[in-house]
Amino acid sequence: MITCFLASAPVSAAVWGEGKWGEFTWQSSTEADSDGDGVLDSEDAFPDDPAASVDSDDDGAPDAWNATATEAQIAASSLVLDAHPNDSLRSLASEFLVAVSAGDNGTVTPLGTQVVEQGASAVITIAADDGYTIDEVAGSCGGTLTDSTYTTNLVNADCDVVVSFKSTTRMARCEGPNPCVPQIIGLTDYDAESMSADVTIIGAPESEPAPLEYTTWCASEALPDYTQLVVESVVNPQDDITTTIPLAASGEPPYLCYFTAANGAGSSEAPNYVDYDNIGAFNHVTLMAPDDFRETIQGKIQLMYIGLLQRAADRTGLAYWSRTFYNGASVDAIRSSFVPLEEFQSFWGDRTRGEFLTALYLIYFNREPDPEGFEYWNTGGGSGNPVDQLAQIFIDAASVYDQVVLENKAKVASHYTSLYETYDRDAIKAVLETVDNTEESVAAAIQTINDNYTAAPPPGPPATASFEFADDFEAADPTLEATIGDWVFYVNAFNGGNFVYGYGPFALKVSNEQIANISDEVGATRGHRS
């Protein structure tokens, strides 16, 4: 017989069994089970609540109710079961994770994974390092970037935000010694009164061969051969230059123009109109009249691209088809030439005629075809019309309202074709889908293009900011120097209070609704970089 005594330390004893001696170790337990749920306090995540005992992710929410828990114990418990038992960041079913990541050359706050309540948004502050700017905010959350603040769409599922940055230092585009092909970053419509239009060429970075002059070459339906119109001398190669192009002797608008640069070593590369292989030399812009652009050859070509290829024309394509027209080809012949193109065949692939009809209506008119019309053109009496003819039929039959939509889309597409730095099919298709019959939609689309897809540097100061002025502040000359980022403003009229400012053109709006002027040292109505 073995006599056992309670002990606080393990006790070992020699035991005889199965013809041999063995060792048996035991320890008496003095640990408590405070809530009486059958789980010792040392192992119980909720030692004072008999309804639960397990919390795998240690977030304070139980994985499940104890199998021994009664309905009364569960009802009396203040605990809420963990909807995410293996995730310590969240426990409620209404909580979702937003994972925020960023590339090099900038910071985001907060970085990493945050918990967001269902139906709420995550707000992220983005700051690029010196010499860099925000390139893209991508990810599955979606959202809106305003200045340096990104606000996600309402969160209803786990999602992510991915921020990238790009250098603001422009790299050399050619080795020289001849200057590089000029890059166009701005243009105006043709002005009938002055018979001219303005084009802005971005300054050449110091890493590129310096140009001494820019030359403009333009063609039109009346004068299809490119003619030299203006030579602009360059004072400071790094400065942007706006040149006025006289068009009085060039027929009626629109005009298709390209630009070359020259220095002591020679000229920049000119477009190759034989095989169109030097794409980089095609810096063509379309200078259009304010009205009825869709009725011109460049407008018609843009609508062909928009309908048949679901994008705006690229510069080489626009120059090629324009020259084809100038050389005697009909609009119908050009349009039918789109269908055999490898791009057309690859883009539409195995999609049906019905899918083509729907896509054509959506990109042209921002709506799907009505059921009767769809049936007629798909399988009915109009089903024998080739797809390229359908595009023209829909244009010709457009209502007054839809004609305005087409006009606006052609203009926006032309603006993109003239100014894009790197062609992006998906980007311009998305922009075109926002354009309707309103001037506001055109202005917004053009602003999007100017801000995101040209070679121009990012916009200057943020759209809004505020400052506090002393109550005894009085006008002087200059009255105040306000610095925001690397922009400096000089206030020369002010009546006290808070103000906000905008850019392009700049103005200061004070709290009493009066407008204060600001100017830089040279008197322009704007700020200047410090």
Protein backbone atom coordinates (compact mmCIF):
# COMPACT_ATOMS: atom_id res chain seq x y z
CA MET A 1 0.00 0.00 0.00
CA ILE A 2 1.18 3.57 -0.85
CA THR A 3 0.11 6.36 1.40
CA CYS A 4 -0.18 9.80 -0.34
CA PHE A 5 0.10 13.14 1.27
CA LEU A 6 -0.87 16.58 -0.17
CA ALA A 7 2.22 18.37 -1.31
CA SER A 8 2.86 21.63 -3.11
CA ALA A 9 5.73 20.16 -5.10
CA PRO A 10 5.72 17.11 -7.40
CA VAL A 11 6.16 13.79 -5.56
CA SER A 12 7.74 10.72 -7.12
CA ALA A 13 7.46 7.12 -5.97
CA ALA A 14 8.84 3.78 -7.04
CA VAL A 15 6.08 1.50 -8.26
CA TRP A 16 6.22 -2.26 -8.96
CA GLY A 17 4.19 -3.49 -11.87
CA GLU A 18 4.37 -5.83 -14.82
CA GLY A 19 7.42 -7.49 -13.30
CA LYS A 20 9.51 -4.35 -13.04
CA TRP A 21 9.99 -1.15 -11.08
CA GLY A 22 8.82 2.14 -12.52
CA GLU A 23 8.49 5.75 -11.43
CA PHE A 24 5.18 7.57 -10.97
CA THR A 25 5.01 11.32 -10.43
CA TRP A 26 2.00 13.26 -9.25
CA GLN A 27 1.15 16.64 -7.85
CA SER A 28 -1.87 17.74 -5.99
CA SER A 29 -3.72 20.75 -7.46
CA THR A 30 -4.56 23.73 -5.37
CA GLU A 31 -5.45 25.95 -8.44
CA ALA A 32 -8.90 27.46 -8.53
CA ASP A 33 -11.70 27.32 -11.08
CA SER A 34 -13.32 30.58 -10.07
CA ASP A 35 -16.28 30.42 -12.45
CA GLY A 36 -16.87 26.69 -12.06
CA ASP A 37 -16.83 26.00 -15.78
CA GLY A 38 -14.42 23.06 -15.51
CA VAL A 39 -11.44 25.06 -16.81
CA LEU A 40 -8.74 26.08 -14.36
CA ASP A 41 -8.19 29.83 -14.01
CA SER A 42 -4.65 29.49 -15.41
CA GLU A 43 -6.08 28.14 -18.67
CA ASP A 44 -9.29 30.14 -18.72
CA ALA A 45 -9.20 33.36 -20.80
CA PHE A 46 -12.31 34.47 -18.90
CA PRO A 47 -11.88 33.03 -15.38
CA ASP A 48 -14.85 34.94 -13.98
CA ASP A 49 -17.32 34.05 -16.74
CA PRO A 50 -18.63 30.46 -16.98
CA ALA A 51 -19.96 31.07 -20.51
CA ALA A 52 -16.56 31.06 -22.26
CA SER A 53 -12.93 30.16 -21.71
CA VAL A 54 -11.03 30.25 -25.07
CA ASP A 55 -9.62 33.37 -26.82
CA SER A 56 -7.14 32.15 -29.46
CA ASP A 57 -6.07 35.59 -30.68
CA ASP A 58 -6.03 37.27 -27.23
CA ASP A 59 -8.22 40.14 -28.36
CA GLY A 60 -10.69 39.91 -25.45
CA ALA A 61 -13.47 38.24 -27.45
CA PRO A 62 -14.17 34.50 -26.97
CA ASP A 63 -13.84 32.05 -29.84
CA ALA A 64 -17.05 30.21 -28.82
CA TRP A 65 -19.33 29.53 -25.88
CA ASN A 66 -18.31 26.68 -23.56
CA ALA A 67 -20.08 23.44 -24.34
CA THR A 68 -21.13 23.31 -20.67
CA ALA A 69 -22.49 26.86 -20.64
CA THR A 70 -26.21 27.17 -20.00
CA GLU A 71 -28.50 29.55 -21.87
CA ALA A 72 -28.80 31.61 -18.70
CA GLN A 73 -25.01 31.90 -18.36
CA ILE A 74 -24.66 32.97 -22.00
CA ALA A 75 -27.44 35.54 -21.64
CA ALA A 76 -25.83 36.94 -18.50
CA SER A 77 -22.39 37.21 -20.10
CA SER A 78 -21.11 40.61 -21.25
CA LEU A 79 -18.87 38.92 -23.82
CA VAL A 80 -19.44 39.00 -27.59
CA LEU A 81 -18.26 36.07 -29.69
CA ASP A 82 -15.28 36.73 -31.94
CA ALA A 83 -16.27 36.83 -35.63
CA HIS A 84 -12.54 36.59 -36.43
CA PRO A 85 -11.14 34.18 -33.79
CA ASN A 86 -7.68 34.03 -35.38
CA ASP A 87 -7.31 37.76 -36.02
CA SER A 88 -6.25 39.88 -33.06
CA LEU A 89 -6.99 43.15 -34.89
CA ARG A 90 -10.76 42.73 -34.98
CA SER A 91 -13.53 40.72 -33.47
CA LEU A 92 -16.81 42.09 -34.83
CA ALA A 93 -18.41 40.94 -38.07
CA SER A 94 -18.88 44.62 -38.97
CA GLU A 95 -15.14 45.31 -38.91
CA PHE A 96 -12.96 45.12 -42.01
CA LEU A 97 -9.24 45.42 -42.65
CA VAL A 98 -7.70 48.10 -44.84
CA ALA A 99 -4.09 47.25 -45.69
CA VAL A 100 -2.06 50.33 -46.66
CA SER A 101 1.33 49.98 -48.34
CA ALA A 102 3.66 52.39 -50.08
CA GLY A 103 6.70 52.30 -52.32
CA ASP A 104 9.96 54.13 -51.79
CA ASN A 105 10.43 57.91 -51.87
CA GLY A 106 7.49 58.92 -49.70
CA THR A 107 5.48 58.16 -46.60
CA VAL A 108 1.87 57.34 -45.80
CA THR A 109 0.08 57.64 -42.48
CA PRO A 110 -1.17 55.29 -41.18
CA LEU A 111 0.94 52.58 -42.78
CA GLY A 112 0.04 48.92 -42.41
CA THR A 113 -3.30 47.38 -41.56
CA GLN A 114 -6.09 49.26 -39.85
CA VAL A 115 -9.58 48.26 -38.78
CA VAL A 116 -12.49 50.16 -40.32
CA GLU A 117 -16.14 49.84 -39.41
CA GLN A 118 -18.46 48.67 -42.16
CA GLY A 119 -19.77 51.62 -44.15
CA ALA A 120 -16.98 53.95 -42.99
CA SER A 121 -13.92 55.23 -44.88
CA ALA A 122 -10.23 55.10 -44.13
CA VAL A 123 -8.36 58.41 -44.37
CA ILE A 124 -4.69 58.27 -45.37
CA THR A 125 -2.17 61.12 -45.47
CA ILE A 126 0.44 60.87 -48.21
CA ALA A 127 3.71 62.81 -48.37
CA ALA A 128 6.25 62.53 -51.17
CA ASP A 129 9.94 63.06 -50.48
CA ASP A 130 11.73 66.06 -51.96
CA GLY A 131 12.14 65.57 -55.69
CA TYR A 132 9.19 63.18 -55.89
CA THR A 133 5.44 63.36 -56.26
CA ILE A 134 2.53 60.96 -55.88
CA ASP A 135 2.44 58.69 -58.92
CA GLU A 136 -0.63 56.58 -58.22
CA VAL A 137 -2.96 55.49 -55.46
CA ALA A 138 -4.22 52.06 -56.43
CA GLY A 139 -5.69 49.02 -54.69
CA SER A 140 -9.08 47.41 -54.24
CA CYS A 141 -10.52 49.97 -51.79
CA GLY A 142 -10.95 52.73 -54.35
CA GLY A 143 -11.23 56.32 -53.23
CA THR A 144 -10.43 59.96 -53.88
CA LEU A 145 -7.14 61.80 -53.61
CA THR A 146 -7.46 65.46 -52.60
CA ASP A 147 -4.13 67.20 -52.29
CA SER A 148 -2.20 64.92 -49.90
CA THR A 149 -5.24 63.18 -48.36
CA TYR A 150 -6.67 59.95 -49.75
CA THR A 151 -10.15 58.95 -48.57
CA THR A 152 -11.26 55.44 -49.45
CA ASN A 153 -14.68 54.54 -50.69
CA LEU A 154 -17.08 53.21 -48.05
CA VAL A 155 -15.55 49.97 -46.81
CA ASN A 156 -17.73 46.85 -46.96
CA ALA A 157 -15.03 44.20 -47.35
CA ASP A 158 -11.34 43.73 -46.66
CA CYS A 159 -9.38 45.82 -49.17
CA ASP A 160 -6.03 47.47 -49.79
CA VAL A 161 -4.50 50.81 -50.75
CA VAL A 162 -1.20 50.88 -52.62
CA VAL A 163 0.66 54.18 -53.00
CA SER A 164 3.56 54.78 -55.37
CA PHE A 165 5.76 57.80 -55.98
CA LYS A 166 7.63 59.08 -59.02
CA SER A 167 10.52 61.43 -59.53
CA THR A 168 9.82 64.99 -60.60
CA THR A 169 13.25 65.14 -62.21
CA ARG A 170 12.87 64.84 -65.94
CA MET A 171 15.30 62.45 -67.54
CA ALA A 172 17.05 63.16 -70.83
CA ARG A 173 15.05 61.87 -73.80
CA CYS A 174 17.88 61.97 -76.29
CA GLU A 175 21.69 61.97 -76.23
CA GLY A 176 22.34 64.83 -78.63
CA PRO A 177 24.11 66.80 -79.80
CA ASN A 178 20.93 67.65 -81.72
CA PRO A 179 18.04 68.75 -79.48
CA CYS A 180 15.25 66.38 -78.50
CA VAL A 181 11.79 66.42 -80.06
CA PRO A 182 9.78 69.19 -78.32
CA GLN A 183 7.08 68.12 -75.86
CA ILE A 184 3.77 69.98 -75.96
CA ILE A 185 2.01 70.58 -72.63
CA GLY A 186 -0.69 73.09 -73.53
CA LEU A 187 -2.74 74.46 -76.40
CA THR A 188 -5.71 76.71 -77.07
CA ASP A 189 -8.55 76.51 -79.56
CA TYR A 190 -8.23 78.40 -82.82
CA ASP A 191 -9.24 82.03 -82.33
CA ALA A 192 -11.22 83.24 -85.34
CA GLU A 193 -10.60 86.91 -84.61
CA SER A 194 -6.81 86.70 -84.50
CA MET A 195 -6.71 83.62 -86.79
CA SER A 196 -4.22 82.01 -84.46
CA ALA A 197 -3.79 79.53 -81.64
CA ASP A 198 -1.27 79.20 -78.81
CA VAL A 199 0.85 76.16 -78.03
CA THR A 200 3.06 75.70 -74.96
CA ILE A 201 6.29 73.69 -75.17
CA ILE A 202 7.82 72.45 -71.93
CA GLY A 203 11.33 73.63 -71.15
CA ALA A 204 14.16 71.22 -71.83
CA PRO A 205 15.79 69.82 -68.67
CA GLU A 206 19.47 70.54 -68.19
CA SER A 207 20.22 66.89 -68.94
CA GLU A 208 19.08 67.38 -72.56
CA PRO A 209 20.83 69.23 -75.40
CA ALA A 210 19.68 72.84 -75.31
CA PRO A 211 17.47 74.01 -78.19
CA LEU A 212 18.03 77.46 -79.71
CA GLU A 213 14.75 77.65 -81.62
CA TYR A 214 11.44 75.87 -82.17
CA THR A 215 9.70 75.59 -85.55
CA THR A 216 6.01 74.94 -86.16
CA TRP A 217 4.77 72.96 -89.19
CA CYS A 218 1.03 72.78 -89.94
CA ALA A 219 -1.31 71.18 -92.47
CA SER A 220 -5.05 71.41 -93.09
CA GLU A 221 -7.60 69.99 -95.48
CA ALA A 222 -7.15 73.02 -97.75
CA LEU A 223 -3.32 72.89 -97.52
CA PRO A 224 -2.46 69.23 -96.89
CA ASP A 225 1.31 69.64 -97.17
CA TYR A 226 2.98 70.59 -93.90
CA THR A 227 4.14 74.19 -94.12
CA GLN A 228 6.58 76.03 -91.88
CA LEU A 229 4.62 78.73 -90.07
CA VAL A 230 6.70 80.14 -87.24
CA VAL A 231 10.21 79.97 -85.82
CA GLU A 232 10.48 80.87 -82.13
CA SER A 233 13.85 81.74 -80.64
CA VAL A 234 14.67 80.23 -77.25
CA VAL A 235 16.08 82.53 -74.57
CA ASN A 236 16.25 80.13 -71.62
CA PRO A 237 16.03 76.48 -72.75
CA GLN A 238 14.79 75.34 -69.33
CA ASP A 239 11.77 77.66 -69.41
CA ASP A 240 8.41 76.69 -70.86
CA ILE A 241 7.63 78.73 -73.95
CA THR A 242 4.22 79.63 -75.38
CA THR A 243 4.23 80.39 -79.07
CA THR A 244 1.39 81.96 -81.07
CA ILE A 245 0.84 80.21 -84.39
CA PRO A 246 -0.50 82.45 -87.19
CA LEU A 247 -2.96 80.41 -89.25
CA ALA A 248 -4.58 82.98 -91.53
CA ALA A 249 -2.90 81.55 -94.63
CA SER A 250 -3.49 77.90 -93.74
CA GLY A 251 -7.12 77.38 -94.73
CA GLU A 252 -9.92 76.54 -92.33
CA PRO A 253 -9.49 74.76 -88.98
CA PRO A 254 -8.71 72.25 -87.71
CA TYR A 255 -4.99 72.25 -88.28
CA LEU A 256 -2.64 69.36 -87.62
CA CYS A 257 0.72 70.74 -86.49
CA TYR A 258 4.02 69.30 -85.35
CA PHE A 259 7.12 70.92 -83.89
CA THR A 260 10.86 70.60 -84.28
CA ALA A 261 13.78 72.05 -82.34
CA ALA A 262 17.17 73.16 -83.58
CA ASN A 263 20.57 74.16 -82.20
CA GLY A 264 24.06 74.60 -83.61
CA ALA A 265 24.42 70.83 -84.13
CA GLY A 266 21.25 70.42 -86.16
CA SER A 267 17.52 69.71 -85.79
CA SER A 268 15.49 67.28 -83.75
CA GLU A 269 14.15 64.14 -85.37
CA ALA A 270 11.27 64.85 -87.77
CA PRO A 271 8.24 62.57 -88.34
CA ASN A 272 8.70 59.81 -90.91
CA TYR A 273 5.72 59.97 -93.27
CA VAL A 274 6.80 56.91 -95.23
CA ASP A 275 6.51 54.09 -92.72
CA TYR A 276 5.66 56.05 -89.53
CA ASP A 277 8.24 54.06 -87.58
CA ASN A 278 9.72 56.84 -85.42
CA ILE A 279 6.74 57.26 -83.13
CA GLY A 280 8.58 59.58 -80.73
CA ALA A 281 8.93 62.25 -83.41
CA PHE A 282 5.15 62.56 -83.81
CA ASN A 283 4.34 65.38 -81.40
CA HIS A 284 1.32 66.47 -83.43
CA VAL A 285 -1.43 68.61 -81.95
CA THR A 286 -4.86 69.38 -83.37
CA LEU A 287 -5.78 73.06 -83.30
CA MET A 288 -9.56 73.12 -83.62
CA ALA A 289 -12.33 75.67 -83.83
CA PRO A 290 -14.65 75.81 -80.82
CA ASP A 291 -17.65 74.30 -82.69
CA ASP A 292 -18.51 71.33 -84.92
CA PHE A 293 -15.20 69.55 -84.48
CA ARG A 294 -16.93 66.19 -85.00
CA GLU A 295 -17.70 67.23 -88.61
CA THR A 296 -14.02 67.73 -89.49
CA ILE A 297 -11.64 64.98 -90.60
CA GLN A 298 -9.73 64.95 -87.31
CA GLY A 299 -13.02 64.86 -85.38
CA LYS A 300 -14.30 61.99 -87.52
CA ILE A 301 -11.07 60.06 -87.03
CA GLN A 302 -11.35 60.54 -83.27
CA LEU A 303 -14.92 59.17 -83.31
CA MET A 304 -13.72 56.17 -85.34
CA TYR A 305 -11.11 55.44 -82.69
CA ILE A 306 -13.59 56.01 -79.85
CA GLY A 307 -16.26 53.72 -81.32
CA LEU A 308 -14.29 51.01 -83.12
CA LEU A 309 -11.24 50.79 -80.82
CA GLN A 310 -12.74 52.21 -77.62
CA ARG A 311 -10.00 54.81 -77.16
CA ALA A 312 -8.68 58.15 -78.38
CA ALA A 313 -6.35 58.25 -81.35
CA ASP A 314 -2.63 58.06 -80.75
CA ARG A 315 -0.60 60.77 -82.48
CA THR A 316 0.94 58.51 -85.11
CA GLY A 317 -2.44 57.05 -86.04
CA LEU A 318 -4.06 60.47 -86.25
CA ALA A 319 -1.24 61.75 -88.49
CA TYR A 320 -1.43 58.64 -90.70
CA TRP A 321 -5.19 58.67 -91.25
CA SER A 322 -5.25 62.45 -91.69
CA ARG A 323 -2.58 62.23 -94.36
CA THR A 324 -4.45 59.31 -95.96
CA PHE A 325 -7.50 61.56 -96.20
CA TYR A 326 -5.43 64.48 -97.52
CA ASN A 327 -4.10 62.15 -100.21
CA GLY A 328 -7.61 61.40 -101.48
CA ALA A 329 -9.05 58.54 -99.40
CA SER A 330 -12.72 58.87 -98.40
CA VAL A 331 -13.94 58.85 -94.83
CA ASP A 332 -15.83 55.58 -95.53
CA ALA A 333 -12.67 53.96 -96.86
CA ILE A 334 -10.70 55.01 -93.79
CA ARG A 335 -13.40 53.73 -91.44
CA SER A 336 -13.65 50.35 -93.18
CA SER A 337 -9.85 50.05 -92.95
CA PHE A 338 -10.13 49.86 -89.16
CA VAL A 339 -11.84 46.45 -89.17
CA PRO A 340 -8.97 44.39 -90.65
CA LEU A 341 -6.51 46.00 -88.25
CA GLU A 342 -4.84 43.57 -85.87
CA GLU A 343 -5.80 45.82 -82.96
CA PHE A 344 -9.50 45.71 -83.92
CA GLN A 345 -9.49 41.93 -84.32
CA SER A 346 -7.55 41.39 -81.11
CA PHE A 347 -9.62 43.85 -79.08
CA TRP A 348 -13.01 42.45 -80.05
CA GLY A 349 -11.84 38.84 -80.35
CA ASP A 350 -14.70 36.40 -80.00
CA ARG A 351 -17.18 38.93 -78.68
CA THR A 352 -20.55 38.92 -80.33
CA ARG A 353 -22.20 41.55 -82.50
CA GLY A 354 -24.55 42.25 -79.61
CA GLU A 355 -21.61 42.94 -77.29
CA PHE A 356 -20.15 45.29 -79.90
CA LEU A 357 -23.47 47.16 -80.19
CA THR A 358 -23.73 47.62 -76.44
CA ALA A 359 -20.11 48.79 -76.12
CA LEU A 360 -20.57 51.21 -79.03
CA TYR A 361 -23.65 52.78 -77.43
CA LEU A 362 -21.97 53.03 -74.05
CA ILE A 363 -18.81 54.76 -75.30
CA TYR A 364 -20.73 57.07 -77.65
CA PHE A 365 -23.86 57.91 -75.67
CA ASN A 366 -23.24 56.71 -72.07
CA ARG A 367 -26.19 54.31 -72.21
CA GLU A 368 -27.17 50.91 -73.54
CA PRO A 369 -29.32 50.64 -76.69
CA ASP A 370 -33.06 50.32 -76.21
CA PRO A 371 -34.35 46.73 -76.61
CA GLU A 372 -36.12 47.32 -79.95
CA GLY A 373 -33.14 49.07 -81.49
CA PHE A 374 -30.77 46.44 -80.15
CA GLU A 375 -32.83 43.62 -81.69
CA TYR A 376 -33.08 45.46 -85.03
CA TRP A 377 -29.34 46.05 -85.39
CA ASN A 378 -28.31 42.73 -83.86
CA THR A 379 -30.58 40.14 -85.47
CA GLY A 380 -33.22 42.12 -87.35
CA GLY A 381 -33.32 44.21 -90.49
CA GLY A 382 -30.17 46.13 -89.65
CA SER A 383 -28.05 43.06 -88.93
CA GLY A 384 -26.56 43.10 -92.42
CA ASN A 385 -24.69 46.37 -91.84
CA PRO A 386 -20.95 45.89 -91.21
CA VAL A 387 -19.82 46.95 -87.76
CA ASP A 388 -17.79 49.90 -89.04
CA GLN A 389 -20.89 51.25 -90.79
CA LEU A 390 -22.89 50.89 -87.59
CA ALA A 391 -20.63 53.44 -85.95
CA GLN A 392 -21.36 55.99 -88.67
CA ILE A 393 -25.07 55.15 -88.76
CA PHE A 394 -25.37 55.84 -85.04
CA ILE A 395 -23.45 59.11 -85.41
CA ASP A 396 -25.63 60.24 -88.33
CA ALA A 397 -28.85 59.33 -86.50
CA ALA A 398 -27.85 60.91 -83.19
CA SER A 399 -30.35 63.23 -81.53
CA VAL A 400 -29.45 66.86 -80.88
CA TYR A 401 -28.57 65.87 -77.32
CA ASP A 402 -26.36 62.98 -78.47
CA GLN A 403 -24.66 65.14 -81.08
CA VAL A 404 -23.42 67.37 -78.27
CA VAL A 405 -22.16 64.31 -76.41
CA LEU A 406 -20.27 63.15 -79.50
CA GLU A 407 -18.83 66.63 -80.05
CA ASN A 408 -17.62 66.76 -76.46
CA LYS A 409 -16.08 63.30 -76.56
CA ALA A 410 -14.26 64.07 -79.82
CA LYS A 411 -12.83 67.27 -78.33
CA VAL A 412 -11.66 65.55 -75.14
CA ALA A 413 -10.11 62.72 -77.17
CA SER A 414 -8.31 65.28 -79.35
CA HIS A 415 -6.98 67.09 -76.29
CA TYR A 416 -5.58 63.82 -74.94
CA THR A 417 -4.04 62.89 -78.31
CA SER A 418 -2.30 66.26 -78.51
CA LEU A 419 -0.88 66.26 -74.99
CA TYR A 420 -0.37 62.75 -73.60
CA GLU A 421 3.15 61.96 -72.42
CA THR A 422 2.70 58.17 -72.41
CA TYR A 423 -0.35 56.68 -74.11
CA ASP A 424 -2.68 54.83 -71.71
CA ARG A 425 -5.69 53.16 -73.34
CA ASP A 426 -7.52 52.34 -70.12
CA ALA A 427 -6.97 55.83 -68.72
CA ILE A 428 -8.39 57.73 -71.67
CA LYS A 429 -11.30 55.29 -72.05
CA ALA A 430 -12.20 55.94 -68.41
CA VAL A 431 -11.98 59.70 -68.99
CA LEU A 432 -14.16 59.52 -72.12
CA GLU A 433 -16.80 57.60 -70.20
CA THR A 434 -17.24 60.62 -67.90
CA VAL A 435 -17.98 63.05 -70.73
CA ASP A 436 -21.62 63.95 -71.42
CA ASN A 437 -23.43 66.88 -73.05
CA THR A 438 -22.32 69.43 -70.44
CA GLU A 439 -19.45 71.87 -70.58
CA GLU A 440 -18.65 70.94 -66.99
CA SER A 441 -17.90 67.34 -67.98
CA VAL A 442 -15.57 68.55 -70.73
CA ALA A 443 -13.75 70.92 -68.38
CA ALA A 444 -13.36 68.18 -65.76
CA ALA A 445 -12.06 65.68 -68.32
CA ILE A 446 -9.55 68.16 -69.73
CA GLN A 447 -8.39 69.05 -66.22
CA THR A 448 -7.88 65.35 -65.50
CA ILE A 449 -5.78 65.02 -68.65
CA ASN A 450 -3.75 68.13 -67.88
CA ASP A 451 -3.08 67.06 -64.29
CA ASN A 452 -2.26 63.42 -64.90
CA TYR A 453 -1.25 62.53 -68.43
CA THR A 454 0.91 65.31 -69.89
CA ALA A 455 4.61 66.03 -69.50
CA ALA A 456 3.78 69.11 -67.44
CA PRO A 457 4.93 69.04 -63.80
CA PRO A 458 2.29 68.42 -61.11
CA PRO A 459 0.02 71.34 -60.16
CA GLY A 460 1.52 73.93 -57.83
CA PRO A 461 0.18 74.60 -54.35
CA PRO A 462 -2.77 72.70 -52.89
CA ALA A 463 -6.25 73.84 -53.81
CA THR A 464 -7.03 75.25 -50.36
CA ALA A 465 -5.21 76.27 -47.21
CA SER A 466 -5.87 78.68 -44.38
CA PHE A 467 -3.87 81.12 -42.26
CA GLU A 468 -4.52 83.09 -39.10
CA PHE A 469 -3.64 86.79 -39.18
CA ALA A 470 -3.25 89.13 -36.25
CA ASP A 471 -6.23 91.37 -35.53
CA ASP A 472 -4.10 94.48 -35.98
CA PHE A 473 -2.74 93.37 -39.35
CA GLU A 474 -2.70 96.28 -41.82
CA ALA A 475 -1.90 96.56 -45.52
CA ALA A 476 1.69 97.40 -46.42
CA ASP A 477 3.89 96.78 -49.43
CA PRO A 478 4.48 93.94 -49.32
CA THR A 479 1.99 93.31 -46.54
CA LEU A 480 2.71 89.67 -45.83
CA GLU A 481 4.80 86.82 -47.12
CA ALA A 482 2.96 83.50 -46.87
CA THR A 483 4.89 80.30 -47.49
CA ILE A 484 3.21 76.98 -48.27
CA GLY A 485 5.51 74.14 -49.19
CA ASP A 486 7.92 75.66 -51.69
CA TRP A 487 5.48 78.35 -52.81
CA VAL A 488 5.74 81.94 -51.56
CA PHE A 489 2.87 84.44 -51.77
CA TYR A 490 2.86 88.18 -51.21
CA VAL A 491 -0.38 89.77 -50.04
CA ASN A 492 -0.83 93.39 -51.05
CA ALA A 493 -4.43 93.96 -50.03
CA PHE A 494 -6.07 92.48 -46.97
CA ASN A 495 -8.80 93.33 -44.49
CA GLY A 496 -8.12 90.89 -41.68
CA GLY A 497 -9.44 87.46 -40.81
CA ASN A 498 -8.80 84.02 -42.27
CA PHE A 499 -8.44 83.37 -45.98
CA VAL A 500 -8.09 80.53 -48.43
CA TYR A 501 -6.35 80.67 -51.76
CA GLY A 502 -6.74 78.89 -55.08
CA TYR A 503 -4.36 78.42 -57.97
CA GLY A 504 -4.52 79.13 -61.69
CA PRO A 505 -5.16 82.12 -61.39
CA PHE A 506 -4.32 82.80 -57.77
CA ALA A 507 -6.57 84.76 -55.44
CA LEU A 508 -6.95 85.09 -51.71
CA LYS A 509 -10.46 84.92 -50.35
CA VAL A 510 -10.87 86.51 -46.93
CA SER A 511 -13.53 85.65 -44.38
CA ASN A 512 -15.66 88.72 -45.13
CA GLU A 513 -15.94 87.59 -48.79
CA GLN A 514 -13.66 90.34 -50.08
CA ILE A 515 -10.95 89.33 -52.48
CA ALA A 516 -7.36 90.18 -51.75
CA ASN A 517 -4.78 90.26 -54.52
CA ILE A 518 -1.45 88.55 -54.37
CA SER A 519 1.55 89.06 -56.57
CA ASP A 520 5.15 88.00 -56.86
CA GLU A 521 8.16 90.22 -57.32
CA VAL A 522 7.53 90.64 -61.04
CA GLY A 523 3.90 91.60 -60.58
CA ALA A 524 2.17 88.51 -61.98
CA THR A 525 -1.08 87.49 -60.32
CA ARG A 526 0.28 84.34 -58.74
CA GLY A 527 2.84 82.99 -56.33
CA HIS A 528 6.31 81.82 -57.21
CA ARG A 529 8.48 78.92 -56.20
CA SER A 530 11.05 79.70 -53.54
